């Protein structure tokens, strides 16, 4: 007979206590403990599914092949995963409601027509998923759809079907009979995630989990959920914008600096092969306050547009605001312009925006930010087909950045005629092989003289 006991669980971090306490000893949250009844099953009532017991092996006896990865046929997803899905891995996809998580997971299930996939949904009925599949217009007879939320039933179906890929939509809707708490609670998420992880590792089956996020933008549930999975993918984007950005915040089998861009349309998510084209405004009119930065995200070089607006402070206290760029770094760059270059910006409002709705933390865009601020302040546009790739130091020097050859090649490939880099980046490099004009500067005032001196005179 099953024995039950009562414990108190923090709904913020998952810490347990034998009695109710007002303030969590782990995360410091107040009034977050909720009583939950945990039923311990006897050995006779354990799950009928038994996995093959693992035996310890010498590390020399274990064979690991890089070509064992499973390609999803979605090149952007394969690239940010490090070359495909690793068998036995668990991948968590998070994002705001309606951003495209379920659409991406369904496209993965439908495009793997050479493998048997099992798509389990606790939020939609099979008929609703069928309607979405018809909109995507991808046919796959090896894709199985199941509407189920009880973990024990899901494990029975996986043993019968033996899928090559398992997709759960979403982890917050699953619950186990072992616990008497409702689905979505910390204890249920922790129990279901641990059971699915055991299934993935023992059967060598990749498992995709779709996760909800809180109002703060973090993944709902205990932090242990992010610890147990192998990869965490974060979907970003604006509902008013058709473009979606997929980032890796954790990846045990690849880089965490990769970024994939998709376009949401009537037929699902479409891969954006050349994201630089959508991140740069296509206009024939040359406007002041805009510049192009050559940045690198993971292994991919990108050209992005930096927009700046400098105007007189209307309310006495000047504003410093940035979208997609670190606000504190903006303040530092404005102080460098005032101290090292003599520009009086302390009584002016300065606004910075990275076009396309993406967030960039590459220091190589510093030079482009300064160029756009100077352009807006003087109301003089920067020459078209000019881009920038350098970091700016506190002393006003233009500092070198890594992988400069990749940045120059990307700018040349997209038809730019001129690129500004650090003078100290030119050591040991042969710039004669490039058709693009490489301008080397060492100080902020040199940049100003090269860009605007003749126009100001």
Protein backbone atom coordinates (compact mmCIF):
# COMPACT_ATOMS: atom_id res chain seq x y z
CA UNK A 1 0.00 0.00 0.00
CA UNK A 2 1.30 3.45 -0.86
CA UNK A 3 2.56 5.56 2.01
CA UNK A 4 2.08 9.32 1.87
CA UNK A 5 3.76 12.21 3.60
CA UNK A 6 3.33 15.97 3.50
CA UNK A 7 6.13 18.37 2.61
CA UNK A 8 6.30 22.10 1.96
CA UNK A 9 7.90 23.14 -1.35
CA UNK A 10 9.02 26.62 -2.40
CA UNK A 11 7.26 27.51 -5.67
CA UNK A 12 10.13 29.81 -6.64
CA UNK A 13 13.24 27.63 -6.31
CA UNK A 14 11.97 24.15 -5.38
CA UNK A 15 13.51 23.95 -1.89
CA UNK A 16 11.72 21.57 0.49
CA UNK A 17 10.94 21.88 4.18
CA UNK A 18 9.23 19.61 6.65
CA UNK A 19 7.18 22.55 8.00
CA UNK A 20 5.87 25.85 6.65
CA UNK A 21 8.24 28.80 6.88
CA UNK A 22 7.61 32.39 5.87
CA UNK A 23 10.90 33.13 4.12
CA UNK A 24 12.65 30.60 1.90
CA UNK A 25 16.08 29.74 3.24
CA UNK A 26 17.36 29.07 -0.29
CA UNK A 27 16.15 31.96 -2.49
CA UNK A 28 14.89 34.44 0.11
CA UNK A 29 11.33 34.63 -1.32
CA UNK A 30 8.52 35.35 1.13
CA UNK A 31 5.29 33.28 1.41
CA UNK A 32 6.30 30.92 -1.38
CA UNK A 33 5.95 27.58 0.48
CA UNK A 34 2.98 25.38 -0.45
CA UNK A 35 2.04 22.10 1.17
CA UNK A 36 2.19 19.07 -1.13
CA UNK A 37 1.35 15.43 -0.42
CA UNK A 38 3.91 12.97 -1.75
CA UNK A 39 2.84 9.35 -2.15
CA UNK A 40 5.66 6.80 -1.95
CA UNK A 41 4.88 3.67 -3.93
CA UNK A 42 5.90 0.29 -2.74
CA UNK A 43 8.20 -1.88 -4.79
CA UNK A 44 5.31 -4.03 -5.98
CA UNK A 45 3.53 -1.03 -7.54
CA UNK A 46 6.51 0.33 -9.41
CA UNK A 47 6.38 1.06 -13.14
CA UNK A 48 6.21 -1.92 -15.42
CA UNK A 49 8.81 -0.35 -17.70
CA UNK A 50 12.28 -1.49 -16.79
CA UNK A 51 15.33 -0.18 -18.55
CA UNK A 52 18.44 -2.14 -19.25
CA UNK A 53 20.91 -1.69 -16.42
CA UNK A 54 24.05 0.20 -17.32
CA UNK A 55 27.41 -1.39 -16.64
CA UNK A 56 30.54 0.65 -15.84
CA UNK A 57 32.96 0.82 -18.78
CA UNK A 58 36.52 2.00 -19.15
CA UNK A 59 36.70 5.31 -20.97
CA UNK A 60 38.82 3.63 -23.66
CA UNK A 61 35.99 1.14 -24.28
CA UNK A 62 33.43 3.87 -24.98
CA UNK A 63 33.10 4.86 -28.63
CA UNK A 64 31.97 8.39 -29.42
CA UNK A 65 31.46 9.34 -33.06
CA UNK A 66 30.83 12.90 -34.17
CA UNK A 67 28.80 11.70 -37.15
CA UNK A 68 26.19 10.11 -34.88
CA UNK A 69 24.25 13.38 -34.72
CA UNK A 70 20.74 13.41 -36.16
CA UNK A 71 20.10 16.14 -38.73
CA UNK A 72 16.70 17.80 -38.37
CA UNK A 73 16.79 19.17 -41.95
CA UNK A 74 16.33 22.65 -40.43
CA UNK A 75 19.80 24.08 -41.07
CA UNK A 76 19.52 26.99 -38.62
CA UNK A 77 18.53 24.60 -35.81
CA UNK A 78 21.23 22.07 -36.70
CA UNK A 79 23.88 24.80 -36.69
CA UNK A 80 23.04 26.26 -33.28
CA UNK A 81 22.84 22.73 -31.82
CA UNK A 82 26.44 22.17 -32.93
CA UNK A 83 25.79 20.08 -36.05
CA UNK A 84 22.59 18.22 -35.25
CA UNK A 85 20.81 16.47 -32.39
CA UNK A 86 22.96 14.23 -30.20
CA UNK A 87 21.26 10.85 -29.49
CA UNK A 88 20.14 10.58 -25.87
CA UNK A 89 20.19 14.34 -25.32
CA UNK A 90 17.41 16.43 -23.80
CA UNK A 91 16.69 19.81 -25.41
CA UNK A 92 14.55 22.48 -23.74
CA UNK A 93 12.89 25.17 -25.90
CA UNK A 94 11.56 28.22 -24.05
CA UNK A 95 9.86 31.42 -25.12
CA UNK A 96 6.83 33.65 -24.81
CA UNK A 97 3.35 32.37 -25.71
CA UNK A 98 2.69 32.43 -29.45
CA UNK A 99 6.34 32.97 -30.39
CA UNK A 100 6.57 29.71 -32.39
CA UNK A 101 7.83 27.00 -30.02
CA UNK A 102 5.17 24.43 -30.92
CA UNK A 103 5.47 25.28 -34.62
CA UNK A 104 9.23 24.67 -34.55
CA UNK A 105 8.80 21.38 -32.68
CA UNK A 106 6.14 20.19 -35.13
CA UNK A 107 8.32 21.10 -38.10
CA UNK A 108 11.14 19.05 -36.58
CA UNK A 109 8.79 16.08 -36.17
CA UNK A 110 7.44 16.36 -39.73
CA UNK A 111 10.76 16.93 -41.48
CA UNK A 112 12.35 13.82 -39.97
CA UNK A 113 10.44 11.57 -42.36
CA UNK A 114 13.14 8.89 -42.23
CA UNK A 115 12.75 8.53 -38.46
CA UNK A 116 9.84 7.59 -36.21
CA UNK A 117 8.79 10.61 -34.12
CA UNK A 118 6.27 10.82 -31.28
CA UNK A 119 4.74 14.25 -30.64
CA UNK A 120 2.96 14.41 -27.28
CA UNK A 121 0.82 17.45 -26.62
CA UNK A 122 -0.86 18.37 -23.37
CA UNK A 123 -2.13 21.69 -24.68
CA UNK A 124 -3.70 20.82 -28.05
CA UNK A 125 -5.85 18.00 -29.30
CA UNK A 126 -4.59 15.79 -32.16
CA UNK A 127 -7.15 17.42 -34.45
CA UNK A 128 -5.72 20.89 -33.73
CA UNK A 129 -2.19 19.65 -34.38
CA UNK A 130 -3.40 18.13 -37.66
CA UNK A 131 -4.74 21.55 -38.72
CA UNK A 132 -1.36 23.14 -37.98
CA UNK A 133 0.44 20.38 -39.88
CA UNK A 134 -1.74 21.03 -42.94
CA UNK A 135 -0.80 24.69 -42.77
CA UNK A 136 2.90 23.79 -42.67
CA UNK A 137 2.36 21.55 -45.74
CA UNK A 138 4.85 18.82 -44.78
CA UNK A 139 3.72 15.20 -44.96
CA UNK A 140 5.21 12.45 -42.80
CA UNK A 141 3.61 9.08 -42.13
CA UNK A 142 6.23 8.28 -39.46
CA UNK A 143 5.01 11.07 -37.17
CA UNK A 144 2.75 9.91 -34.32
CA UNK A 145 0.55 12.39 -32.42
CA UNK A 146 -0.69 11.75 -28.88
CA UNK A 147 -2.74 13.95 -26.55
CA UNK A 148 -1.70 12.85 -23.05
CA UNK A 149 -0.53 14.45 -19.80
CA UNK A 150 -0.05 11.48 -17.45
CA UNK A 151 3.63 10.56 -17.35
CA UNK A 152 3.07 6.84 -16.70
CA UNK A 153 0.83 6.52 -19.78
CA UNK A 154 3.39 8.36 -21.90
CA UNK A 155 6.10 5.90 -20.88
CA UNK A 156 3.85 2.98 -21.85
CA UNK A 157 3.27 4.48 -25.31
CA UNK A 158 7.00 5.11 -25.81
CA UNK A 159 7.72 1.47 -24.99
CA UNK A 160 5.13 0.33 -27.56
CA UNK A 161 6.06 2.74 -30.37
CA UNK A 162 9.81 3.00 -29.63
CA UNK A 163 10.22 6.42 -31.30
CA UNK A 164 13.54 7.76 -32.59
CA UNK A 165 12.59 11.29 -31.45
CA UNK A 166 10.28 12.23 -28.55
CA UNK A 167 8.71 15.71 -28.33
CA UNK A 168 6.84 16.93 -25.23
CA UNK A 169 4.61 20.02 -25.51
CA UNK A 170 4.85 21.14 -22.78
CA UNK A 171 6.70 19.95 -19.67
CA UNK A 172 4.45 22.12 -17.44
CA UNK A 173 1.35 20.14 -18.46
CA UNK A 174 2.71 16.72 -17.43
CA UNK A 175 2.04 15.14 -14.05
CA UNK A 176 2.88 11.89 -12.31
CA UNK A 177 0.66 9.64 -10.17
CA UNK A 178 3.47 9.44 -7.62
CA UNK A 179 2.71 13.00 -6.51
CA UNK A 180 -0.64 14.38 -5.45
CA UNK A 181 0.20 17.96 -6.45
CA UNK A 182 -1.24 19.49 -9.61
CA UNK A 183 0.56 19.74 -12.94
CA UNK A 184 2.96 22.66 -13.30
CA UNK A 185 4.11 22.72 -9.69
CA UNK A 186 7.80 22.56 -8.83
CA UNK A 187 7.65 18.97 -7.59
CA UNK A 188 5.76 17.72 -10.68
CA UNK A 189 8.13 19.43 -13.12
CA UNK A 190 11.14 18.06 -11.27
CA UNK A 191 9.75 14.51 -11.17
CA UNK A 192 8.62 14.39 -14.82
CA UNK A 193 11.85 15.95 -16.08
CA UNK A 194 13.98 13.48 -14.11
CA UNK A 195 11.97 10.51 -15.44
CA UNK A 196 12.19 11.72 -19.05
CA UNK A 197 15.93 12.30 -18.61
CA UNK A 198 16.34 8.71 -17.45
CA UNK A 199 14.35 7.54 -20.46
CA UNK A 200 16.49 9.60 -22.85
CA UNK A 201 19.81 8.36 -21.45
CA UNK A 202 18.89 4.69 -21.12
CA UNK A 203 17.20 4.34 -24.53
CA UNK A 204 19.51 6.81 -26.36
CA UNK A 205 16.45 8.70 -27.61
CA UNK A 206 16.59 12.50 -28.06
CA UNK A 207 13.85 14.31 -26.15
CA UNK A 208 12.59 17.81 -27.00
CA UNK A 209 10.84 19.65 -24.17
CA UNK A 210 8.83 22.83 -24.66
CA UNK A 211 8.82 25.05 -21.59
CA UNK A 212 6.77 28.05 -20.50
CA UNK A 213 8.38 31.23 -19.20
CA UNK A 214 7.43 33.51 -16.32
CA UNK A 215 6.57 37.20 -16.55
CA UNK A 216 10.25 37.93 -15.83
CA UNK A 217 11.28 36.07 -18.99
CA UNK A 218 12.87 33.10 -17.18
CA UNK A 219 11.84 29.47 -17.66
CA UNK A 220 9.00 28.46 -15.40
CA UNK A 221 9.67 25.78 -12.82
CA UNK A 222 12.67 24.91 -10.69
CA UNK A 223 16.18 25.84 -11.77
CA UNK A 224 17.02 22.14 -11.73
CA UNK A 225 15.08 21.84 -15.01
CA UNK A 226 17.76 23.88 -16.80
CA UNK A 227 20.50 21.93 -15.05
CA UNK A 228 19.35 18.44 -16.06
CA UNK A 229 18.78 19.19 -19.75
CA UNK A 230 21.70 19.20 -22.19
CA UNK A 231 20.64 22.19 -24.28
CA UNK A 232 18.49 25.24 -23.56
CA UNK A 233 17.13 27.17 -26.57
CA UNK A 234 15.46 30.54 -26.07
CA UNK A 235 12.98 31.89 -28.62
CA UNK A 236 12.93 35.69 -28.85
CA UNK A 237 11.00 38.13 -30.97
CA UNK A 238 8.25 40.69 -31.10
CA UNK A 239 4.68 39.65 -31.93
CA UNK A 240 4.47 42.70 -34.16
CA UNK A 241 7.59 41.58 -36.04
CA UNK A 242 7.68 38.55 -38.33
CA UNK A 243 11.26 37.60 -37.43
CA UNK A 244 12.14 35.20 -34.61
CA UNK A 245 15.55 34.73 -33.02
CA UNK A 246 16.62 31.38 -31.55
CA UNK A 247 19.52 31.55 -29.07
CA UNK A 248 21.40 28.88 -27.14
CA UNK A 249 21.83 29.73 -23.47
CA UNK A 250 23.26 26.30 -22.63
CA UNK A 251 24.75 23.61 -24.87
CA UNK A 252 26.82 20.68 -23.66
CA UNK A 253 27.61 19.62 -27.22
CA UNK A 254 28.32 22.93 -28.95
CA UNK A 255 28.76 26.67 -28.69
CA UNK A 256 26.48 28.88 -26.60
CA UNK A 257 27.11 31.92 -28.79
CA UNK A 258 25.18 30.76 -31.85
CA UNK A 259 22.09 32.49 -33.12
CA UNK A 260 19.46 31.39 -35.62
CA UNK A 261 16.93 33.67 -37.34
CA UNK A 262 13.54 32.52 -38.62
CA UNK A 263 10.66 34.28 -40.33
CA UNK A 264 7.12 33.47 -39.23
CA UNK A 265 4.68 33.26 -42.14
CA UNK A 266 1.47 31.46 -43.04
CA UNK A 267 3.33 28.19 -43.63
CA UNK A 268 5.24 28.12 -40.35
CA UNK A 269 8.82 29.13 -39.66
CA UNK A 270 11.11 29.85 -42.61
CA UNK A 271 14.89 29.92 -42.20
CA UNK A 272 16.64 33.22 -42.93
CA UNK A 273 19.83 32.21 -44.74
CA UNK A 274 21.37 35.71 -44.93
CA UNK A 275 20.28 37.61 -41.79
CA UNK A 276 22.40 40.67 -42.66
CA UNK A 277 19.87 41.56 -45.36
CA UNK A 278 17.02 41.88 -42.83
CA UNK A 279 19.13 43.63 -40.17
CA UNK A 280 20.08 46.48 -42.51
CA UNK A 281 17.42 48.92 -43.67
CA UNK A 282 17.02 48.81 -47.44
CA UNK A 283 16.55 52.45 -48.44
CA UNK A 284 17.88 54.72 -51.16
CA UNK A 285 17.87 57.79 -48.90
CA UNK A 286 21.03 58.48 -46.89
CA UNK A 287 20.12 59.57 -43.34
CA UNK A 288 22.22 60.87 -40.48
CA UNK A 289 22.56 58.89 -37.28
CA UNK A 290 22.89 55.44 -38.88
CA UNK A 291 25.96 53.23 -39.22
CA UNK A 292 26.68 49.59 -40.01
CA UNK A 293 28.62 47.37 -37.58
CA UNK A 294 30.31 44.09 -38.47
CA UNK A 295 29.71 41.72 -35.58
CA UNK A 296 30.11 37.99 -34.99
CA UNK A 297 27.60 35.80 -33.19
CA UNK A 298 29.06 32.37 -32.53
CA UNK A 299 30.59 31.27 -35.82
CA UNK A 300 28.44 33.56 -37.98
CA UNK A 301 29.44 37.09 -39.05
CA UNK A 302 26.58 39.58 -39.18
CA UNK A 303 26.20 43.13 -40.40
CA UNK A 304 23.74 45.10 -38.26
CA UNK A 305 22.46 48.65 -38.40
CA UNK A 306 23.04 50.98 -35.44
CA UNK A 307 20.64 53.92 -35.20
CA UNK A 308 21.32 56.98 -33.02
CA UNK A 309 19.32 60.08 -32.17
CA UNK A 310 20.97 63.03 -30.40
CA UNK A 311 18.78 65.99 -29.47
CA UNK A 312 18.69 68.78 -26.89
CA UNK A 313 17.40 67.71 -23.48
CA UNK A 314 13.82 68.92 -23.23
CA UNK A 315 13.33 68.41 -19.48
CA UNK A 316 16.66 69.50 -18.05
CA UNK A 317 17.97 66.02 -17.20
CA UNK A 318 19.41 64.34 -20.32
CA UNK A 319 18.19 60.83 -21.12
CA UNK A 320 20.38 57.88 -22.02
CA UNK A 321 18.38 55.04 -23.54
CA UNK A 322 19.36 52.06 -25.69
CA UNK A 323 17.52 49.13 -27.24
CA UNK A 324 19.57 46.01 -28.01
CA UNK A 325 22.73 47.60 -26.59
CA UNK A 326 24.08 47.81 -23.03
CA UNK A 327 22.94 51.10 -21.49
CA UNK A 328 25.98 51.30 -19.19
CA UNK A 329 28.35 50.83 -22.11
CA UNK A 330 26.53 53.63 -23.93
CA UNK A 331 27.23 55.94 -21.00
CA UNK A 332 30.89 54.97 -21.09
CA UNK A 333 31.20 55.69 -24.83
CA UNK A 334 29.52 59.09 -24.43
CA UNK A 335 31.98 59.94 -21.63
CA UNK A 336 34.88 58.99 -23.92
CA UNK A 337 33.51 61.27 -26.65
CA UNK A 338 33.24 64.16 -24.20
CA UNK A 339 36.59 63.68 -22.47
CA UNK A 340 38.82 62.50 -25.32
CA UNK A 341 37.23 64.09 -28.39
CA UNK A 342 35.76 67.31 -26.95
CA UNK A 343 32.10 66.76 -27.90
CA UNK A 344 29.65 68.31 -25.43
CA UNK A 345 26.93 65.71 -25.06
CA UNK A 346 26.18 66.12 -21.35
CA UNK A 347 23.15 68.34 -22.02
CA UNK A 348 21.72 66.24 -24.85
CA UNK A 349 19.42 63.24 -25.02
CA UNK A 350 21.02 60.21 -26.66
CA UNK A 351 19.01 57.22 -27.92
CA UNK A 352 20.54 54.08 -29.47
CA UNK A 353 18.67 51.33 -31.30
CA UNK A 354 19.92 48.10 -32.88
CA UNK A 355 17.72 47.56 -35.93
CA UNK A 356 15.96 44.21 -36.30
CA UNK A 357 15.09 43.77 -32.62
CA UNK A 358 18.19 41.76 -31.68
CA UNK A 359 20.46 42.19 -28.66
CA UNK A 360 24.21 42.46 -29.26
CA UNK A 361 26.96 42.33 -26.65
CA UNK A 362 29.94 42.24 -29.04
CA UNK A 363 32.38 45.07 -28.13
CA UNK A 364 33.27 45.34 -31.84
CA UNK A 365 30.17 47.48 -32.40
CA UNK A 366 31.56 50.31 -30.21
CA UNK A 367 33.04 52.13 -33.19
CA UNK A 368 29.73 51.99 -35.08
CA UNK A 369 27.87 53.36 -32.03
CA UNK A 370 30.27 56.30 -31.76
CA UNK A 371 30.06 56.96 -35.51
CA UNK A 372 26.24 57.01 -35.44
CA UNK A 373 26.21 59.33 -32.38
CA UNK A 374 28.60 61.77 -34.08
CA UNK A 375 26.58 61.57 -37.29
CA UNK A 376 23.33 62.42 -35.50
CA UNK A 377 24.93 65.15 -33.41
CA UNK A 378 26.38 66.89 -36.49
CA UNK A 379 23.37 65.92 -38.66
CA UNK A 380 25.80 64.66 -41.31
CA UNK A 381 25.14 61.22 -42.85
CA UNK A 382 27.89 58.62 -43.09
CA UNK A 383 28.90 57.55 -46.57
CA UNK A 384 26.82 54.66 -47.86
CA UNK A 385 28.50 51.22 -48.02
CA UNK A 386 30.75 52.03 -45.02
CA UNK A 387 30.91 49.76 -41.97
CA UNK A 388 32.86 49.56 -38.68
CA UNK A 389 34.48 46.82 -36.58
CA UNK A 390 36.49 47.90 -33.53
CA UNK A 391 36.29 48.33 -29.77
CA UNK A 392 36.69 51.71 -28.07
CA UNK A 393 38.74 52.00 -24.87
CA UNK A 394 38.41 54.49 -22.01
CA UNK A 395 41.50 56.37 -23.17
CA UNK A 396 39.92 56.99 -26.56
CA UNK A 397 42.01 54.44 -28.44
CA UNK A 398 40.50 52.15 -31.05
CA UNK A 399 41.18 48.63 -29.82
CA UNK A 400 41.50 45.49 -32.00
CA UNK A 401 38.86 42.75 -32.10
CA UNK A 402 39.09 39.05 -32.84
CA UNK A 403 38.40 37.34 -36.19
CA UNK A 404 38.80 40.56 -38.14
CA UNK A 405 39.29 38.71 -41.43
CA UNK A 406 35.84 37.14 -41.15
CA UNK A 407 34.29 40.53 -40.52
CA UNK A 408 36.04 42.10 -43.52
CA UNK A 409 35.08 39.19 -45.79
CA UNK A 410 31.40 39.46 -44.79
CA UNK A 411 31.39 43.21 -45.48
CA UNK A 412 33.04 42.66 -48.86
CA UNK A 413 30.59 39.89 -49.75
CA UNK A 414 27.62 42.18 -49.09
CA UNK A 415 28.97 44.91 -51.34
CA UNK A 416 30.49 47.38 -48.86
CA UNK A 417 33.26 49.62 -50.18
CA UNK A 418 34.91 50.67 -46.92
CA UNK A 419 35.44 49.29 -43.42
CA UNK A 420 37.01 51.03 -40.41
CA UNK A 421 39.11 48.85 -38.11
CA UNK A 422 41.73 49.33 -35.41
CA UNK A 423 45.26 50.18 -36.49
CA UNK A 424 46.49 47.45 -34.16
CA UNK A 425 44.41 44.82 -35.96
CA UNK A 426 46.55 45.04 -39.10
CA UNK A 427 49.62 43.23 -37.79
CA UNK A 428 50.43 40.13 -39.81
CA UNK A 429 47.42 40.49 -42.09
CA UNK A 430 47.47 40.92 -45.86
CA UNK A 431 44.74 43.38 -46.85
CA UNK A 432 45.73 43.41 -50.52
CA UNK A 433 43.61 40.33 -51.16
CA UNK A 434 40.44 42.30 -50.31
CA UNK A 435 38.70 44.56 -52.81
CA UNK A 436 37.16 46.53 -49.95
CA UNK A 437 39.03 49.62 -48.69
CA UNK A 438 40.30 48.93 -45.16
CA UNK A 439 40.74 52.16 -43.16
CA UNK A 440 42.90 51.84 -40.04
CA UNK A 441 42.39 54.31 -37.16
CA UNK A 442 44.00 54.48 -33.71
CA UNK A 443 42.05 57.22 -31.86
CA UNK A 444 38.49 58.50 -31.72
CA UNK A 445 39.53 61.91 -33.09
CA UNK A 446 41.09 60.17 -36.11
CA UNK A 447 37.72 58.57 -36.83
CA UNK A 448 36.04 61.98 -36.64
CA UNK A 449 38.53 63.61 -39.00
CA UNK A 450 38.26 60.75 -41.49
CA UNK A 451 34.45 60.71 -41.52
CA UNK A 452 33.32 64.32 -41.04
CA UNK A 453 36.27 66.78 -41.18
CA UNK A 454 35.90 67.70 -44.84
CA UNK A 455 32.12 67.94 -44.56
CA UNK A 456 32.27 70.19 -41.51
CA UNK A 457 34.76 72.53 -43.20
